[in-house]
Amino acid sequence: FLESLRLDLAGEEIDVSLIHPGFVKT
């Protein structure tokens, strides 16, 4: 979803970052 939204927001110069953690001790 966010990768698709990134394409649609590019023209507005709003950036989109996805965070893909591996295993984190929580």
mmCIF file of all heavy atoms, coordinates in Angstrom:
data_MODEL
# 
_entry.id   MODEL 
# 
loop_
_atom_site.group_PDB 
_atom_site.id 
_atom_site.type_symbol 
_atom_site.label_atom_id 
_atom_site.label_alt_id 
_atom_site.label_comp_id 
_atom_site.label_asym_id 
_atom_site.label_entity_id 
_atom_site.label_seq_id 
_atom_site.pdbx_PDB_ins_code 
_atom_site.Cartn_x 
_atom_site.Cartn_y 
_atom_site.Cartn_z 
_atom_site.occupancy 
_atom_site.B_iso_or_equiv 
_atom_site.pdbx_formal_charge 
_atom_site.auth_seq_id 
_atom_site.auth_comp_id 
_atom_site.auth_asym_id 
_atom_site.auth_atom_id 
_atom_site.pdbx_PDB_model_num 
ATOM 1   N N   . PHE A 1 1  ? 0.833  -1.208  0.000  1.00 0.00 ? 1  PHE A N   1 
ATOM 2   C CA  . PHE A 1 1  ? 0.000  0.000   0.000  1.00 0.00 ? 1  PHE A CA  1 
ATOM 3   C C   . PHE A 1 1  ? 0.868  1.258   0.000  1.00 0.00 ? 1  PHE A C   1 
ATOM 4   O O   . PHE A 1 1  ? 0.642  2.193   -0.780 1.00 0.00 ? 1  PHE A O   1 
ATOM 5   C CB  . PHE A 1 1  ? -0.923 -0.011  1.214  1.00 0.00 ? 1  PHE A CB  1 
ATOM 6   C CG  . PHE A 1 1  ? -1.714 1.260   1.374  1.00 0.00 ? 1  PHE A CG  1 
ATOM 7   C CD1 . PHE A 1 1  ? -2.931 1.420   0.725  1.00 0.00 ? 1  PHE A CD1 1 
ATOM 8   C CD2 . PHE A 1 1  ? -1.234 2.301   2.147  1.00 0.00 ? 1  PHE A CD2 1 
ATOM 9   C CE1 . PHE A 1 1  ? -3.645 2.609   0.839  1.00 0.00 ? 1  PHE A CE1 1 
ATOM 10  C CE2 . PHE A 1 1  ? -1.946 3.489   2.275  1.00 0.00 ? 1  PHE A CE2 1 
ATOM 11  C CZ  . PHE A 1 1  ? -3.152 3.638   1.620  1.00 0.00 ? 1  PHE A CZ  1 
ATOM 12  N N   . LEU A 1 2  ? 1.861  1.297   0.886  1.00 0.00 ? 2  LEU A N   1 
ATOM 13  C CA  . LEU A 1 2  ? 2.666  2.508   1.012  1.00 0.00 ? 2  LEU A CA  1 
ATOM 14  C C   . LEU A 1 2  ? 3.602  2.704   -0.180 1.00 0.00 ? 2  LEU A C   1 
ATOM 15  O O   . LEU A 1 2  ? 3.909  3.839   -0.542 1.00 0.00 ? 2  LEU A O   1 
ATOM 16  C CB  . LEU A 1 2  ? 3.449  2.487   2.321  1.00 0.00 ? 2  LEU A CB  1 
ATOM 17  C CG  . LEU A 1 2  ? 2.570  2.750   3.555  1.00 0.00 ? 2  LEU A CG  1 
ATOM 18  C CD1 . LEU A 1 2  ? 3.354  2.556   4.833  1.00 0.00 ? 2  LEU A CD1 1 
ATOM 19  C CD2 . LEU A 1 2  ? 1.969  4.150   3.511  1.00 0.00 ? 2  LEU A CD2 1 
ATOM 20  N N   . GLU A 1 3  ? 4.054  1.613   -0.779 1.00 0.00 ? 3  GLU A N   1 
ATOM 21  C CA  . GLU A 1 3  ? 4.859  1.775   -1.987 1.00 0.00 ? 3  GLU A CA  1 
ATOM 22  C C   . GLU A 1 3  ? 4.006  2.354   -3.117 1.00 0.00 ? 3  GLU A C   1 
ATOM 23  O O   . GLU A 1 3  ? 4.482  3.176   -3.911 1.00 0.00 ? 3  GLU A O   1 
ATOM 24  C CB  . GLU A 1 3  ? 5.482  0.445   -2.400 1.00 0.00 ? 3  GLU A CB  1 
ATOM 25  C CG  . GLU A 1 3  ? 6.641  0.030   -1.509 1.00 0.00 ? 3  GLU A CG  1 
ATOM 26  C CD  . GLU A 1 3  ? 7.506  -1.052  -2.135 1.00 0.00 ? 3  GLU A CD  1 
ATOM 27  O OE1 . GLU A 1 3  ? 7.553  -1.128  -3.372 1.00 0.00 ? 3  GLU A OE1 1 
ATOM 28  O OE2 . GLU A 1 3  ? 8.113  -1.809  -1.364 1.00 0.00 ? 3  GLU A OE2 1 
ATOM 29  N N   . SER A 1 4  ? 2.750  1.930   -3.197 1.00 0.00 ? 4  SER A N   1 
ATOM 30  C CA  . SER A 1 4  ? 1.846  2.517   -4.189 1.00 0.00 ? 4  SER A CA  1 
ATOM 31  C C   . SER A 1 4  ? 1.559  3.981   -3.866 1.00 0.00 ? 4  SER A C   1 
ATOM 32  O O   . SER A 1 4  ? 1.568  4.844   -4.755 1.00 0.00 ? 4  SER A O   1 
ATOM 33  C CB  . SER A 1 4  ? 0.529  1.729   -4.229 1.00 0.00 ? 4  SER A CB  1 
ATOM 34  O OG  . SER A 1 4  ? 0.740  0.410   -4.695 1.00 0.00 ? 4  SER A OG  1 
ATOM 35  N N   . LEU A 1 5  ? 1.309  4.267   -2.585 1.00 0.00 ? 5  LEU A N   1 
ATOM 36  C CA  . LEU A 1 5  ? 1.032  5.642   -2.182 1.00 0.00 ? 5  LEU A CA  1 
ATOM 37  C C   . LEU A 1 5  ? 2.231  6.542   -2.457 1.00 0.00 ? 5  LEU A C   1 
ATOM 38  O O   . LEU A 1 5  ? 2.063  7.715   -2.828 1.00 0.00 ? 5  LEU A O   1 
ATOM 39  C CB  . LEU A 1 5  ? 0.675  5.673   -0.693 1.00 0.00 ? 5  LEU A CB  1 
ATOM 40  C CG  . LEU A 1 5  ? 0.249  7.025   -0.128 1.00 0.00 ? 5  LEU A CG  1 
ATOM 41  C CD1 . LEU A 1 5  ? -1.041 7.511   -0.791 1.00 0.00 ? 5  LEU A CD1 1 
ATOM 42  C CD2 . LEU A 1 5  ? 0.070  6.944   1.393  1.00 0.00 ? 5  LEU A CD2 1 
ATOM 43  N N   . ARG A 1 6  ? 3.425  5.998   -2.289 1.00 0.00 ? 6  ARG A N   1 
ATOM 44  C CA  . ARG A 1 6  ? 4.648  6.764   -2.573 1.00 0.00 ? 6  ARG A CA  1 
ATOM 45  C C   . ARG A 1 6  ? 4.628  7.301   -4.006 1.00 0.00 ? 6  ARG A C   1 
ATOM 46  O O   . ARG A 1 6  ? 5.012  8.447   -4.258 1.00 0.00 ? 6  ARG A O   1 
ATOM 47  C CB  . ARG A 1 6  ? 5.871  5.887   -2.351 1.00 0.00 ? 6  ARG A CB  1 
ATOM 48  C CG  . ARG A 1 6  ? 7.195  6.539   -2.706 1.00 0.00 ? 6  ARG A CG  1 
ATOM 49  C CD  . ARG A 1 6  ? 8.304  5.507   -2.654 1.00 0.00 ? 6  ARG A CD  1 
ATOM 50  N NE  . ARG A 1 6  ? 8.551  5.033   -1.310 1.00 0.00 ? 6  ARG A NE  1 
ATOM 51  C CZ  . ARG A 1 6  ? 9.007  3.820   -1.012 1.00 0.00 ? 6  ARG A CZ  1 
ATOM 52  N NH1 . ARG A 1 6  ? 9.236  2.935   -1.986 1.00 0.00 ? 6  ARG A NH1 1 
ATOM 53  N NH2 . ARG A 1 6  ? 9.230  3.474   0.236  1.00 0.00 ? 6  ARG A NH2 1 
ATOM 54  N N   . LEU A 1 7  ? 4.178  6.475   -4.936 1.00 0.00 ? 7  LEU A N   1 
ATOM 55  C CA  . LEU A 1 7  ? 4.106  6.905   -6.337 1.00 0.00 ? 7  LEU A CA  1 
ATOM 56  C C   . LEU A 1 7  ? 3.123  8.057   -6.512 1.00 0.00 ? 7  LEU A C   1 
ATOM 57  O O   . LEU A 1 7  ? 3.379  9.008   -7.254 1.00 0.00 ? 7  LEU A O   1 
ATOM 58  C CB  . LEU A 1 7  ? 3.700  5.723   -7.219 1.00 0.00 ? 7  LEU A CB  1 
ATOM 59  C CG  . LEU A 1 7  ? 4.639  4.510   -7.215 1.00 0.00 ? 7  LEU A CG  1 
ATOM 60  C CD1 . LEU A 1 7  ? 4.018  3.368   -8.003 1.00 0.00 ? 7  LEU A CD1 1 
ATOM 61  C CD2 . LEU A 1 7  ? 5.997  4.884   -7.793 1.00 0.00 ? 7  LEU A CD2 1 
ATOM 62  N N   . ASP A 1 8  ? 1.986  7.972   -5.829 1.00 0.00 ? 8  ASP A N   1 
ATOM 63  C CA  . ASP A 1 8  ? 0.960  8.992   -5.977 1.00 0.00 ? 8  ASP A CA  1 
ATOM 64  C C   . ASP A 1 8  ? 1.314  10.292  -5.263 1.00 0.00 ? 8  ASP A C   1 
ATOM 65  O O   . ASP A 1 8  ? 0.836  11.362  -5.650 1.00 0.00 ? 8  ASP A O   1 
ATOM 66  C CB  . ASP A 1 8  ? -0.380 8.466   -5.458 1.00 0.00 ? 8  ASP A CB  1 
ATOM 67  C CG  . ASP A 1 8  ? -0.962 7.389   -6.361 1.00 0.00 ? 8  ASP A CG  1 
ATOM 68  O OD1 . ASP A 1 8  ? -0.762 7.487   -7.584 1.00 0.00 ? 8  ASP A OD1 1 
ATOM 69  O OD2 . ASP A 1 8  ? -1.587 6.454   -5.851 1.00 0.00 ? 8  ASP A OD2 1 
ATOM 70  N N   . LEU A 1 9  ? 2.151  10.209  -4.219 1.00 0.00 ? 9  LEU A N   1 
ATOM 71  C CA  . LEU A 1 9  ? 2.518  11.411  -3.476 1.00 0.00 ? 9  LEU A CA  1 
ATOM 72  C C   . LEU A 1 9  ? 3.776  12.075  -4.017 1.00 0.00 ? 9  LEU A C   1 
ATOM 73  O O   . LEU A 1 9  ? 4.108  13.197  -3.600 1.00 0.00 ? 9  LEU A O   1 
ATOM 74  C CB  . LEU A 1 9  ? 2.727  11.067  -1.992 1.00 0.00 ? 9  LEU A CB  1 
ATOM 75  C CG  . LEU A 1 9  ? 1.483  10.661  -1.203 1.00 0.00 ? 9  LEU A CG  1 
ATOM 76  C CD1 . LEU A 1 9  ? 1.863  10.313  0.230  1.00 0.00 ? 9  LEU A CD1 1 
ATOM 77  C CD2 . LEU A 1 9  ? 0.429  11.758  -1.223 1.00 0.00 ? 9  LEU A CD2 1 
ATOM 78  N N   . ALA A 1 10 ? 4.470  11.404  -4.924 1.00 0.00 ? 10 ALA A N   1 
ATOM 79  C CA  . ALA A 1 10 ? 5.737  11.951  -5.419 1.00 0.00 ? 10 ALA A CA  1 
ATOM 80  C C   . ALA A 1 10 ? 5.539  13.329  -6.054 1.00 0.00 ? 10 ALA A C   1 
ATOM 81  O O   . ALA A 1 10 ? 6.369  14.234  -5.877 1.00 0.00 ? 10 ALA A O   1 
ATOM 82  C CB  . ALA A 1 10 ? 6.370  10.998  -6.428 1.00 0.00 ? 10 ALA A CB  1 
ATOM 83  N N   . GLY A 1 11 ? 4.441  13.506  -6.760 1.00 0.00 ? 11 GLY A N   1 
ATOM 84  C CA  . GLY A 1 11 ? 4.184  14.781  -7.399 1.00 0.00 ? 11 GLY A CA  1 
ATOM 85  C C   . GLY A 1 11 ? 3.947  15.909  -6.404 1.00 0.00 ? 11 GLY A C   1 
ATOM 86  O O   . GLY A 1 11 ? 4.132  17.079  -6.728 1.00 0.00 ? 11 GLY A O   1 
ATOM 87  N N   . GLU A 1 12 ? 3.533  15.545  -5.175 1.00 0.00 ? 12 GLU A N   1 
ATOM 88  C CA  . GLU A 1 12 ? 3.333  16.548  -4.136 1.00 0.00 ? 12 GLU A CA  1 
ATOM 89  C C   . GLU A 1 12 ? 4.595  16.775  -3.312 1.00 0.00 ? 12 GLU A C   1 
ATOM 90  O O   . GLU A 1 12 ? 4.585  17.583  -2.382 1.00 0.00 ? 12 GLU A O   1 
ATOM 91  C CB  . GLU A 1 12 ? 2.199  16.108  -3.203 1.00 0.00 ? 12 GLU A CB  1 
ATOM 92  C CG  . GLU A 1 12 ? 0.849  15.968  -3.859 1.00 0.00 ? 12 GLU A CG  1 
ATOM 93  C CD  . GLU A 1 12 ? -0.232 15.637  -2.846 1.00 0.00 ? 12 GLU A CD  1 
ATOM 94  O OE1 . GLU A 1 12 ? -0.371 16.390  -1.856 1.00 0.00 ? 12 GLU A OE1 1 
ATOM 95  O OE2 . GLU A 1 12 ? -0.929 14.618  -3.028 1.00 0.00 ? 12 GLU A OE2 1 
ATOM 96  N N   . GLU A 1 13 ? 5.642  16.034  -3.613 1.00 0.00 ? 13 GLU A N   1 
ATOM 97  C CA  . GLU A 1 13 ? 6.909  16.103  -2.877 1.00 0.00 ? 13 GLU A CA  1 
ATOM 98  C C   . GLU A 1 13 ? 6.726  15.753  -1.403 1.00 0.00 ? 13 GLU A C   1 
ATOM 99  O O   . GLU A 1 13 ? 7.300  16.388  -0.524 1.00 0.00 ? 13 GLU A O   1 
ATOM 100 C CB  . GLU A 1 13 ? 7.558  17.478  -3.050 1.00 0.00 ? 13 GLU A CB  1 
ATOM 101 C CG  . GLU A 1 13 ? 7.938  17.766  -4.500 1.00 0.00 ? 13 GLU A CG  1 
ATOM 102 C CD  . GLU A 1 13 ? 8.684  19.075  -4.655 1.00 0.00 ? 13 GLU A CD  1 
ATOM 103 O OE1 . GLU A 1 13 ? 8.096  20.130  -4.365 1.00 0.00 ? 13 GLU A OE1 1 
ATOM 104 O OE2 . GLU A 1 13 ? 9.864  19.023  -5.047 1.00 0.00 ? 13 GLU A OE2 1 
ATOM 105 N N   . ILE A 1 14 ? 5.904  14.738  -1.157 1.00 0.00 ? 14 ILE A N   1 
ATOM 106 C CA  . ILE A 1 14 ? 5.784  14.124  0.165  1.00 0.00 ? 14 ILE A CA  1 
ATOM 107 C C   . ILE A 1 14 ? 6.423  12.748  0.065  1.00 0.00 ? 14 ILE A C   1 
ATOM 108 O O   . ILE A 1 14 ? 5.988  11.915  -0.741 1.00 0.00 ? 14 ILE A O   1 
ATOM 109 C CB  . ILE A 1 14 ? 4.315  14.004  0.605  1.00 0.00 ? 14 ILE A CB  1 
ATOM 110 C CG1 . ILE A 1 14 ? 3.692  15.396  0.744  1.00 0.00 ? 14 ILE A CG1 1 
ATOM 111 C CG2 . ILE A 1 14 ? 4.208  13.233  1.919  1.00 0.00 ? 14 ILE A CG2 1 
ATOM 112 C CD1 . ILE A 1 14 ? 2.208  15.377  1.041  1.00 0.00 ? 14 ILE A CD1 1 
ATOM 113 N N   . ASP A 1 15 ? 7.470  12.518  0.834  1.00 0.00 ? 15 ASP A N   1 
ATOM 114 C CA  . ASP A 1 15 ? 8.204  11.271  0.749  1.00 0.00 ? 15 ASP A CA  1 
ATOM 115 C C   . ASP A 1 15 ? 7.579  10.198  1.630  1.00 0.00 ? 15 ASP A C   1 
ATOM 116 O O   . ASP A 1 15 ? 6.905  10.498  2.635  1.00 0.00 ? 15 ASP A O   1 
ATOM 117 C CB  . ASP A 1 15 ? 9.661  11.480  1.158  1.00 0.00 ? 15 ASP A CB  1 
ATOM 118 C CG  . ASP A 1 15 ? 10.399 12.392  0.188  1.00 0.00 ? 15 ASP A CG  1 
ATOM 119 O OD1 . ASP A 1 15 ? 9.999  12.454  -0.991 1.00 0.00 ? 15 ASP A OD1 1 
ATOM 120 O OD2 . ASP A 1 15 ? 11.378 13.049  0.607  1.00 0.00 ? 15 ASP A OD2 1 
ATOM 121 N N   . VAL A 1 16 ? 7.809  8.948   1.276  1.00 0.00 ? 16 VAL A N   1 
ATOM 122 C CA  . VAL A 1 16 ? 7.291  7.801   2.026  1.00 0.00 ? 16 VAL A CA  1 
ATOM 123 C C   . VAL A 1 16 ? 8.438  6.830   2.282  1.00 0.00 ? 16 VAL A C   1 
ATOM 124 O O   . VAL A 1 16 ? 9.125  6.417   1.344  1.00 0.00 ? 16 VAL A O   1 
ATOM 125 C CB  . VAL A 1 16 ? 6.159  7.089   1.259  1.00 0.00 ? 16 VAL A CB  1 
ATOM 126 C CG1 . VAL A 1 16 ? 5.687  5.855   2.031  1.00 0.00 ? 16 VAL A CG1 1 
ATOM 127 C CG2 . VAL A 1 16 ? 4.986  8.040   1.020  1.00 0.00 ? 16 VAL A CG2 1 
ATOM 128 N N   . SER A 1 17 ? 8.645  6.484   3.538  1.00 0.00 ? 17 SER A N   1 
ATOM 129 C CA  . SER A 1 17 ? 9.667  5.509   3.916  1.00 0.00 ? 17 SER A CA  1 
ATOM 130 C C   . SER A 1 17 ? 9.008  4.309   4.572  1.00 0.00 ? 17 SER A C   1 
ATOM 131 O O   . SER A 1 17 ? 8.102  4.453   5.399  1.00 0.00 ? 17 SER A O   1 
ATOM 132 C CB  . SER A 1 17 ? 10.672 6.113   4.899  1.00 0.00 ? 17 SER A CB  1 
ATOM 133 O OG  . SER A 1 17 ? 11.493 7.077   4.295  1.00 0.00 ? 17 SER A OG  1 
ATOM 134 N N   . LEU A 1 18 ? 9.481  3.133   4.201  1.00 0.00 ? 18 LEU A N   1 
ATOM 135 C CA  . LEU A 1 18 ? 9.040  1.899   4.845  1.00 0.00 ? 18 LEU A CA  1 
ATOM 136 C C   . LEU A 1 18 ? 10.149 1.380   5.738  1.00 0.00 ? 18 LEU A C   1 
ATOM 137 O O   . LEU A 1 18 ? 11.320 1.368   5.352  1.00 0.00 ? 18 LEU A O   1 
ATOM 138 C CB  . LEU A 1 18 ? 8.673  0.848   3.795  1.00 0.00 ? 18 LEU A CB  1 
ATOM 139 C CG  . LEU A 1 18 ? 7.234  0.934   3.284  1.00 0.00 ? 18 LEU A CG  1 
ATOM 140 C CD1 . LEU A 1 18 ? 7.092  0.227   1.954  1.00 0.00 ? 18 LEU A CD1 1 
ATOM 141 C CD2 . LEU A 1 18 ? 6.290  0.319   4.315  1.00 0.00 ? 18 LEU A CD2 1 
ATOM 142 N N   . ILE A 1 19 ? 9.781  0.953   6.939  1.00 0.00 ? 19 ILE A N   1 
ATOM 143 C CA  . ILE A 1 19 ? 10.729 0.410   7.909  1.00 0.00 ? 19 ILE A CA  1 
ATOM 144 C C   . ILE A 1 19 ? 10.501 -1.092  7.989  1.00 0.00 ? 19 ILE A C   1 
ATOM 145 O O   . ILE A 1 19 ? 9.392  -1.545  8.300  1.00 0.00 ? 19 ILE A O   1 
ATOM 146 C CB  . ILE A 1 19 ? 10.524 1.056   9.286  1.00 0.00 ? 19 ILE A CB  1 
ATOM 147 C CG1 . ILE A 1 19 ? 10.667 2.583   9.177  1.00 0.00 ? 19 ILE A CG1 1 
ATOM 148 C CG2 . ILE A 1 19 ? 11.515 0.496   10.304 1.00 0.00 ? 19 ILE A CG2 1 
ATOM 149 C CD1 . ILE A 1 19 ? 10.110 3.333   10.385 1.00 0.00 ? 19 ILE A CD1 1 
ATOM 150 N N   . HIS A 1 20 ? 11.536 -1.863  7.661  1.00 0.00 ? 20 HIS A N   1 
ATOM 151 C CA  . HIS A 1 20 ? 11.445 -3.326  7.668  1.00 0.00 ? 20 HIS A CA  1 
ATOM 152 C C   . HIS A 1 20 ? 12.454 -3.906  8.666  1.00 0.00 ? 20 HIS A C   1 
ATOM 153 O O   . HIS A 1 20 ? 13.552 -4.308  8.273  1.00 0.00 ? 20 HIS A O   1 
ATOM 154 C CB  . HIS A 1 20 ? 11.714 -3.890  6.269  1.00 0.00 ? 20 HIS A CB  1 
ATOM 155 C CG  . HIS A 1 20 ? 10.654 -3.582  5.254  1.00 0.00 ? 20 HIS A CG  1 
ATOM 156 N ND1 . HIS A 1 20 ? 10.796 -2.606  4.299  1.00 0.00 ? 20 HIS A ND1 1 
ATOM 157 C CD2 . HIS A 1 20 ? 9.428  -4.128  5.052  1.00 0.00 ? 20 HIS A CD2 1 
ATOM 158 C CE1 . HIS A 1 20 ? 9.704  -2.572  3.543  1.00 0.00 ? 20 HIS A CE1 1 
ATOM 159 N NE2 . HIS A 1 20 ? 8.862  -3.484  3.982  1.00 0.00 ? 20 HIS A NE2 1 
ATOM 160 N N   . PRO A 1 21 ? 12.105 -3.956  9.939  1.00 0.00 ? 21 PRO A N   1 
ATOM 161 C CA  . PRO A 1 21 ? 13.046 -4.523  10.913 1.00 0.00 ? 21 PRO A CA  1 
ATOM 162 C C   . PRO A 1 21 ? 13.108 -6.044  10.807 1.00 0.00 ? 21 PRO A C   1 
ATOM 163 O O   . PRO A 1 21 ? 12.132 -6.712  10.438 1.00 0.00 ? 21 PRO A O   1 
ATOM 164 C CB  . PRO A 1 21 ? 12.450 -4.129  12.270 1.00 0.00 ? 21 PRO A CB  1 
ATOM 165 C CG  . PRO A 1 21 ? 11.313 -3.192  11.961 1.00 0.00 ? 21 PRO A CG  1 
ATOM 166 C CD  . PRO A 1 21 ? 10.880 -3.495  10.575 1.00 0.00 ? 21 PRO A CD  1 
ATOM 167 N N   . GLY A 1 22 ? 14.292 -6.579  11.136 1.00 0.00 ? 22 GLY A N   1 
ATOM 168 C CA  . GLY A 1 22 ? 14.382 -7.998  11.419 1.00 0.00 ? 22 GLY A CA  1 
ATOM 169 C C   . GLY A 1 22 ? 13.885 -8.230  12.834 1.00 0.00 ? 22 GLY A C   1 
ATOM 170 O O   . GLY A 1 22 ? 13.023 -7.498  13.336 1.00 0.00 ? 22 GLY A O   1 
ATOM 171 N N   . PHE A 1 23 ? 14.426 -9.214  13.517 1.00 0.00 ? 23 PHE A N   1 
ATOM 172 C CA  . PHE A 1 23 ? 13.999 -9.476  14.888 1.00 0.00 ? 23 PHE A CA  1 
ATOM 173 C C   . PHE A 1 23 ? 14.598 -8.427  15.827 1.00 0.00 ? 23 PHE A C   1 
ATOM 174 O O   . PHE A 1 23 ? 15.796 -8.170  15.813 1.00 0.00 ? 23 PHE A O   1 
ATOM 175 C CB  . PHE A 1 23 ? 14.432 -10.874 15.325 1.00 0.00 ? 23 PHE A CB  1 
ATOM 176 C CG  . PHE A 1 23 ? 13.712 -11.978 14.602 1.00 0.00 ? 23 PHE A CG  1 
ATOM 177 C CD1 . PHE A 1 23 ? 14.387 -12.806 13.721 1.00 0.00 ? 23 PHE A CD1 1 
ATOM 178 C CD2 . PHE A 1 23 ? 12.356 -12.175 14.798 1.00 0.00 ? 23 PHE A CD2 1 
ATOM 179 C CE1 . PHE A 1 23 ? 13.722 -13.825 13.044 1.00 0.00 ? 23 PHE A CE1 1 
ATOM 180 C CE2 . PHE A 1 23 ? 11.677 -13.185 14.130 1.00 0.00 ? 23 PHE A CE2 1 
ATOM 181 C CZ  . PHE A 1 23 ? 12.357 -14.006 13.253 1.00 0.00 ? 23 PHE A CZ  1 
ATOM 182 N N   . VAL A 1 24 ? 13.720 -7.820  16.633 1.00 0.00 ? 24 VAL A N   1 
ATOM 183 C CA  . VAL A 1 24 ? 14.130 -6.828  17.622 1.00 0.00 ? 24 VAL A CA  1 
ATOM 184 C C   . VAL A 1 24 ? 13.617 -7.300  18.981 1.00 0.00 ? 24 VAL A C   1 
ATOM 185 O O   . VAL A 1 24 ? 12.474 -7.764  19.108 1.00 0.00 ? 24 VAL A O   1 
ATOM 186 C CB  . VAL A 1 24 ? 13.553 -5.437  17.296 1.00 0.00 ? 24 VAL A CB  1 
ATOM 187 C CG1 . VAL A 1 24 ? 13.983 -4.415  18.350 1.00 0.00 ? 24 VAL A CG1 1 
ATOM 188 C CG2 . VAL A 1 24 ? 13.997 -4.988  15.906 1.00 0.00 ? 24 VAL A CG2 1 
ATOM 189 N N   . LYS A 1 25 ? 14.455 -7.186  19.995 1.00 0.00 ? 25 LYS A N   1 
ATOM 190 C CA  . LYS A 1 25 ? 14.056 -7.643  21.325 1.00 0.00 ? 25 LYS A CA  1 
ATOM 191 C C   . LYS A 1 25 ? 13.064 -6.658  21.930 1.00 0.00 ? 25 LYS A C   1 
ATOM 192 O O   . LYS A 1 25 ? 13.429 -5.566  22.367 1.00 0.00 ? 25 LYS A O   1 
ATOM 193 C CB  . LYS A 1 25 ? 15.268 -7.801  22.243 1.00 0.00 ? 25 LYS A CB  1 
ATOM 194 C CG  . LYS A 1 25 ? 14.900 -8.313  23.632 1.00 0.00 ? 25 LYS A CG  1 
ATOM 195 C CD  . LYS A 1 25 ? 16.105 -8.642  24.466 1.00 0.00 ? 25 LYS A CD  1 
ATOM 196 C CE  . LYS A 1 25 ? 15.699 -9.009  25.898 1.00 0.00 ? 25 LYS A CE  1 
ATOM 197 N NZ  . LYS A 1 25 ? 14.645 -10.040 25.956 1.00 0.00 ? 25 LYS A NZ  1 
ATOM 198 N N   . THR A 1 26 ? 11.806 -7.038  21.949 1.00 0.00 ? 26 THR A N   1 
ATOM 199 C CA  . THR A 1 26 ? 10.727 -6.219  22.494 1.00 0.00 ? 26 THR A CA  1 
ATOM 200 C C   . THR A 1 26 ? 9.802  -7.127  23.303 1.00 0.00 ? 26 THR A C   1 
ATOM 201 O O   . THR A 1 26 ? 9.888  -8.358  23.217 1.00 0.00 ? 26 THR A O   1 
ATOM 202 C CB  . THR A 1 26 ? 9.912  -5.563  21.369 1.00 0.00 ? 26 THR A CB  1 
ATOM 203 O OG1 . THR A 1 26 ? 9.192  -6.587  20.655 1.00 0.00 ? 26 THR A OG1 1 
ATOM 204 C CG2 . THR A 1 26 ? 10.806 -4.785  20.408 1.00 0.00 ? 26 THR A CG2 1 
# 
